[in-house]
């Protein structure tokens, strides 16, 4: 695979990971605002597993 292609794939992966992280953080913020403890625990576990 060419170096440019590898860099593009790497950048896409990082952007995807950052988007997922932002989404999880937003969902966690909303769950906390609603006081949904079960969802908070689930999202916190998902965040731990994604690293």
PDB file of N, CA and C in Angstrom:
ATOM      1  N   UNK A   1       0.852  -1.174   0.000  1.00  0.00           N
ATOM      2  CA  UNK A   1       0.000   0.000   0.000  1.00  0.00           C
ATOM      3  C   UNK A   1       0.898   1.237   0.000  1.00  0.00           C
ATOM      4  N   UNK A   2       0.521   2.251  -0.712  1.00  0.00           N
ATOM      5  CA  UNK A   2       1.347   3.448  -0.795  1.00  0.00           C
ATOM      6  C   UNK A   2       1.335   4.208   0.537  1.00  0.00           C
ATOM      7  N   UNK A   3       2.353   5.001   0.738  1.00  0.00           N
ATOM      8  CA  UNK A   3       2.470   5.782   1.975  1.00  0.00           C
ATOM      9  C   UNK A   3       1.301   6.754   2.129  1.00  0.00           C
ATOM     10  N   UNK A   4       0.877   7.384   1.030  1.00  0.00           N
ATOM     11  CA  UNK A   4      -0.259   8.311   1.094  1.00  0.00           C
ATOM     12  C   UNK A   4      -1.530   7.601   1.518  1.00  0.00           C
ATOM     13  N   UNK A   5      -1.712   6.404   0.986  1.00  0.00           N
ATOM     14  CA  UNK A   5      -2.911   5.615   1.340  1.00  0.00           C
ATOM     15  C   UNK A   5      -2.873   5.246   2.822  1.00  0.00           C
ATOM     16  N   UNK A   6      -1.713   4.833   3.316  1.00  0.00           N
ATOM     17  CA  UNK A   6      -1.587   4.486   4.728  1.00  0.00           C
ATOM     18  C   UNK A   6      -1.869   5.688   5.624  1.00  0.00           C
ATOM     19  N   UNK A   7      -1.380   6.856   5.225  1.00  0.00           N
ATOM     20  CA  UNK A   7      -1.636   8.066   6.003  1.00  0.00           C
ATOM     21  C   UNK A   7      -3.123   8.413   5.994  1.00  0.00           C
ATOM     22  N   UNK A   8      -3.764   8.247   4.846  1.00  0.00           N
ATOM     23  CA  UNK A   8      -5.194   8.527   4.746  1.00  0.00           C
ATOM     24  C   UNK A   8      -6.010   7.590   5.637  1.00  0.00           C
ATOM     25  N   UNK A   9      -5.643   6.323   5.616  1.00  0.00           N
ATOM     26  CA  UNK A   9      -6.337   5.340   6.449  1.00  0.00           C
ATOM     27  C   UNK A   9      -6.141   5.673   7.926  1.00  0.00           C
ATOM     28  N   UNK A  10      -4.925   6.023   8.291  1.00  0.00           N
ATOM     29  CA  UNK A  10      -4.623   6.373   9.678  1.00  0.00           C
ATOM     30  C   UNK A  10      -5.415   7.591  10.123  1.00  0.00           C
ATOM     31  N   UNK A  11      -5.479   8.611   9.286  1.00  0.00           N
ATOM     32  CA  UNK A  11      -6.229   9.823   9.614  1.00  0.00           C
ATOM     33  C   UNK A  11      -7.721   9.523   9.738  1.00  0.00           C
ATOM     34  N   UNK A  12      -8.225   8.679   8.868  1.00  0.00           N
ATOM     35  CA  UNK A  12      -9.644   8.316   8.918  1.00  0.00           C
ATOM     36  C   UNK A  12      -9.964   7.560  10.201  1.00  0.00           C
ATOM     37  N   UNK A  13      -9.077   6.651  10.580  1.00  0.00           N
ATOM     38  CA  UNK A  13      -9.287   5.899  11.832  1.00  0.00           C
ATOM     39  C   UNK A  13      -9.305   6.843  13.028  1.00  0.00           C
ATOM     40  N   UNK A  14      -8.365   7.772  13.067  1.00  0.00           N
ATOM     41  CA  UNK A  14      -8.290   8.716  14.178  1.00  0.00           C
ATOM     42  C   UNK A  14      -9.524   9.605  14.215  1.00  0.00           C
ATOM     43  N   UNK A  15      -9.979  10.073  13.074  1.00  0.00           N
ATOM     44  CA  UNK A  15     -11.184  10.901  13.020  1.00  0.00           C
ATOM     45  C   UNK A  15     -12.399  10.110  13.493  1.00  0.00           C
ATOM     46  N   UNK A  16     -12.482   8.859  13.094  1.00  0.00           N
ATOM     47  CA  UNK A  16     -13.595   7.997  13.509  1.00  0.00           C
ATOM     48  C   UNK A  16     -13.581   7.803  15.023  1.00  0.00           C
ATOM     49  N   UNK A  17     -12.389   7.531  15.572  1.00  0.00           N
ATOM     50  CA  UNK A  17     -12.261   7.332  17.014  1.00  0.00           C
ATOM     51  C   UNK A  17     -12.646   8.609  17.768  1.00  0.00           C
ATOM     52  N   UNK A  18     -12.207   9.764  17.264  1.00  0.00           N
ATOM     53  CA  UNK A  18     -12.529  11.033  17.910  1.00  0.00           C
ATOM     54  C   UNK A  18     -14.034  11.301  17.860  1.00  0.00           C
ATOM     55  N   UNK A  19     -14.679  10.976  16.754  1.00  0.00           N
ATOM     56  CA  UNK A  19     -16.132  11.168  16.640  1.00  0.00           C
ATOM     57  C   UNK A  19     -16.881  10.275  17.616  1.00  0.00           C
ATOM     58  N   UNK A  20     -16.444   9.044  17.747  1.00  0.00           N
ATOM     59  CA  UNK A  20     -17.082   8.127  18.700  1.00  0.00           C
ATOM     60  C   UNK A  20     -16.905   8.653  20.119  1.00  0.00           C
ATOM     61  N   UNK A  21     -15.700   9.119  20.440  1.00  0.00           N
ATOM     62  CA  UNK A  21     -15.427   9.661  21.766  1.00  0.00           C
ATOM     63  C   UNK A  21     -16.320  10.861  22.066  1.00  0.00           C
ATOM     64  N   UNK A  22     -16.435  11.779  21.114  1.00  0.00           N
ATOM     65  CA  UNK A  22     -17.298  12.951  21.318  1.00  0.00           C
ATOM     66  C   UNK A  22     -18.752  12.538  21.518  1.00  0.00           C
ATOM     67  N   UNK A  23     -19.187  11.563  20.739  1.00  0.00           N
ATOM     68  CA  UNK A  23     -20.557  11.084  20.867  1.00  0.00           C
ATOM     69  C   UNK A  23     -20.800  10.476  22.244  1.00  0.00           C
ATOM     70  N   UNK A  24     -19.861   9.649  22.701  1.00  0.00           N
ATOM     71  CA  UNK A  24     -19.990   9.043  24.029  1.00  0.00           C
ATOM     72  C   UNK A  24     -20.023  10.106  25.119  1.00  0.00           C
ATOM     73  N   UNK A  25     -19.158  11.099  25.006  1.00  0.00           N
ATOM     74  CA  UNK A  25     -19.121  12.161  26.008  1.00  0.00           C
ATOM     75  C   UNK A  25     -20.441  12.928  26.044  1.00  0.00           C
ATOM     76  N   UNK A  26     -21.000  13.200  24.872  1.00  0.00           N
ATOM     77  CA  UNK A  26     -22.283  13.904  24.815  1.00  0.00           C
ATOM     78  C   UNK A  26     -23.395  13.051  25.417  1.00  0.00           C
ATOM     79  N   UNK A  27     -23.424  11.786  25.041  1.00  0.00           N
ATOM     80  CA  UNK A  27     -24.458  10.889  25.582  1.00  0.00           C
ATOM     81  C   UNK A  27     -24.351  10.782  27.094  1.00  0.00           C
ATOM     82  N   UNK A  28     -23.119  10.755  27.606  1.00  0.00           N
ATOM     83  CA  UNK A  28     -22.907  10.683  29.051  1.00  0.00           C
ATOM     84  C   UNK A  28     -23.384  11.964  29.729  1.00  0.00           C
ATOM     85  N   UNK A  29     -23.106  13.096  29.117  1.00  0.00           N
ATOM     86  CA  UNK A  29     -23.562  14.385  29.656  1.00  0.00           C
ATOM     87  C   UNK A  29     -25.089  14.418  29.749  1.00  0.00           C
ATOM     88  N   UNK A  30     -25.756  13.958  28.711  1.00  0.00           N
ATOM     89  CA  UNK A  30     -27.221  13.945  28.694  1.00  0.00           C
ATOM     90  C   UNK A  30     -27.759  12.972  29.749  1.00  0.00           C
ATOM     91  N   UNK A  31     -27.146  11.799  29.851  1.00  0.00           N
ATOM     92  CA  UNK A  31     -27.583  10.812  30.843  1.00  0.00           C
ATOM     93  C   UNK A  31     -27.426  11.365  32.259  1.00  0.00           C
ATOM     94  N   UNK A  32     -26.325  12.061  32.504  1.00  0.00           N
ATOM     95  CA  UNK A  32     -26.117  12.662  33.830  1.00  0.00           C
ATOM     96  C   UNK A  32     -27.161  13.744  34.103  1.00  0.00           C
ATOM     97  N   UNK A  33     -27.475  14.547  33.094  1.00  0.00           N
ATOM     98  CA  UNK A  33     -28.477  15.605  33.258  1.00  0.00           C
ATOM     99  C   UNK A  33     -29.848  15.011  33.584  1.00  0.00           C
ATOM    100  N   UNK A  34     -30.129  13.848  33.021  1.00  0.00           N
ATOM    101  CA  UNK A  34     -31.409  13.190  33.266  1.00  0.00           C
ATOM    102  C   UNK A  34     -31.391  12.352  34.535  1.00  0.00           C
ATOM    103  N   UNK A  35     -30.199  12.096  35.077  1.00  0.00           N
ATOM    104  CA  UNK A  35     -30.085  11.270  36.278  1.00  0.00           C
ATOM    105  C   UNK A  35     -30.287   9.795  35.995  1.00  0.00           C
ATOM    106  N   UNK A  36     -30.008   9.360  34.783  1.00  0.00           N
ATOM    107  CA  UNK A  36     -30.194   7.960  34.379  1.00  0.00           C
ATOM    108  C   UNK A  36     -28.956   7.144  34.772  1.00  0.00           C
ATOM    109  N   UNK A  37     -28.953   6.647  35.999  1.00  0.00           N
ATOM    110  CA  UNK A  37     -27.778   5.956  36.545  1.00  0.00           C
ATOM    111  C   UNK A  37     -27.389   4.712  35.750  1.00  0.00           C
ATOM    112  N   UNK A  38     -28.373   3.970  35.299  1.00  0.00           N
ATOM    113  CA  UNK A  38     -28.067   2.756  34.529  1.00  0.00           C
ATOM    114  C   UNK A  38     -27.350   3.113  33.229  1.00  0.00           C
ATOM    115  N   UNK A  39     -27.857   4.111  32.536  1.00  0.00           N
ATOM    116  CA  UNK A  39     -27.227   4.533  31.284  1.00  0.00           C
ATOM    117  C   UNK A  39     -25.844   5.129  31.546  1.00  0.00           C
ATOM    118  N   UNK A  40     -25.699   5.868  32.636  1.00  0.00           N
ATOM    119  CA  UNK A  40     -24.392   6.430  32.996  1.00  0.00           C
ATOM    120  C   UNK A  40     -23.374   5.307  33.166  1.00  0.00           C
ATOM    121  N   UNK A  41     -23.729   4.285  33.920  1.00  0.00           N
ATOM    122  CA  UNK A  41     -22.812   3.149  34.127  1.00  0.00           C
ATOM    123  C   UNK A  41     -22.484   2.459  32.810  1.00  0.00           C
ATOM    124  N   UNK A  42     -23.484   2.277  31.967  1.00  0.00           N
ATOM    125  CA  UNK A  42     -23.273   1.622  30.675  1.00  0.00           C
ATOM    126  C   UNK A  42     -22.326   2.442  29.793  1.00  0.00           C
ATOM    127  N   UNK A  43     -22.541   3.741  29.732  1.00  0.00           N
ATOM    128  CA  UNK A  43     -21.693   4.598  28.899  1.00  0.00           C
ATOM    129  C   UNK A  43     -20.274   4.699  29.456  1.00  0.00           C
ATOM    130  N   UNK A  44     -20.149   4.753  30.780  1.00  0.00           N
ATOM    131  CA  UNK A  44     -18.814   4.780  31.379  1.00  0.00           C
ATOM    132  C   UNK A  44     -18.058   3.495  31.042  1.00  0.00           C
ATOM    133  N   UNK A  45     -18.750   2.362  31.087  1.00  0.00           N
ATOM    134  CA  UNK A  45     -18.115   1.083  30.736  1.00  0.00           C
ATOM    135  C   UNK A  45     -17.719   1.085  29.262  1.00  0.00           C
ATOM    136  N   UNK A  46     -18.585   1.625  28.428  1.00  0.00           N
ATOM    137  CA  UNK A  46     -18.280   1.689  26.997  1.00  0.00           C
ATOM    138  C   UNK A  46     -17.053   2.565  26.739  1.00  0.00           C
ATOM    139  N   UNK A  47     -16.943   3.654  27.476  1.00  0.00           N
ATOM    140  CA  UNK A  47     -15.781   4.534  27.332  1.00  0.00           C
ATOM    141  C   UNK A  47     -14.502   3.813  27.765  1.00  0.00           C
ATOM    142  N   UNK A  48     -14.569   3.086  28.867  1.00  0.00           N
ATOM    143  CA  UNK A  48     -13.393   2.331  29.320  1.00  0.00           C
ATOM    144  C   UNK A  48     -12.984   1.294  28.295  1.00  0.00           C
ATOM    145  N   UNK A  49     -13.947   0.624  27.709  1.00  0.00           N
ATOM    146  CA  UNK A  49     -13.666  -0.438  26.730  1.00  0.00           C
ATOM    147  C   UNK A  49     -13.138   0.105  25.407  1.00  0.00           C
ATOM    148  N   UNK A  50     -13.424   1.369  25.124  1.00  0.00           N
ATOM    149  CA  UNK A  50     -13.007   1.921  23.832  1.00  0.00           C
ATOM    150  C   UNK A  50     -11.566   2.410  23.834  1.00  0.00           C
ATOM    151  N   UNK A  51     -10.901   2.378  24.973  1.00  0.00           N
ATOM    152  CA  UNK A  51      -9.503   2.839  25.027  1.00  0.00           C
ATOM    153  C   UNK A  51      -8.556   1.709  24.975  1.00  0.00           C
TER     154      UNK A  51
END
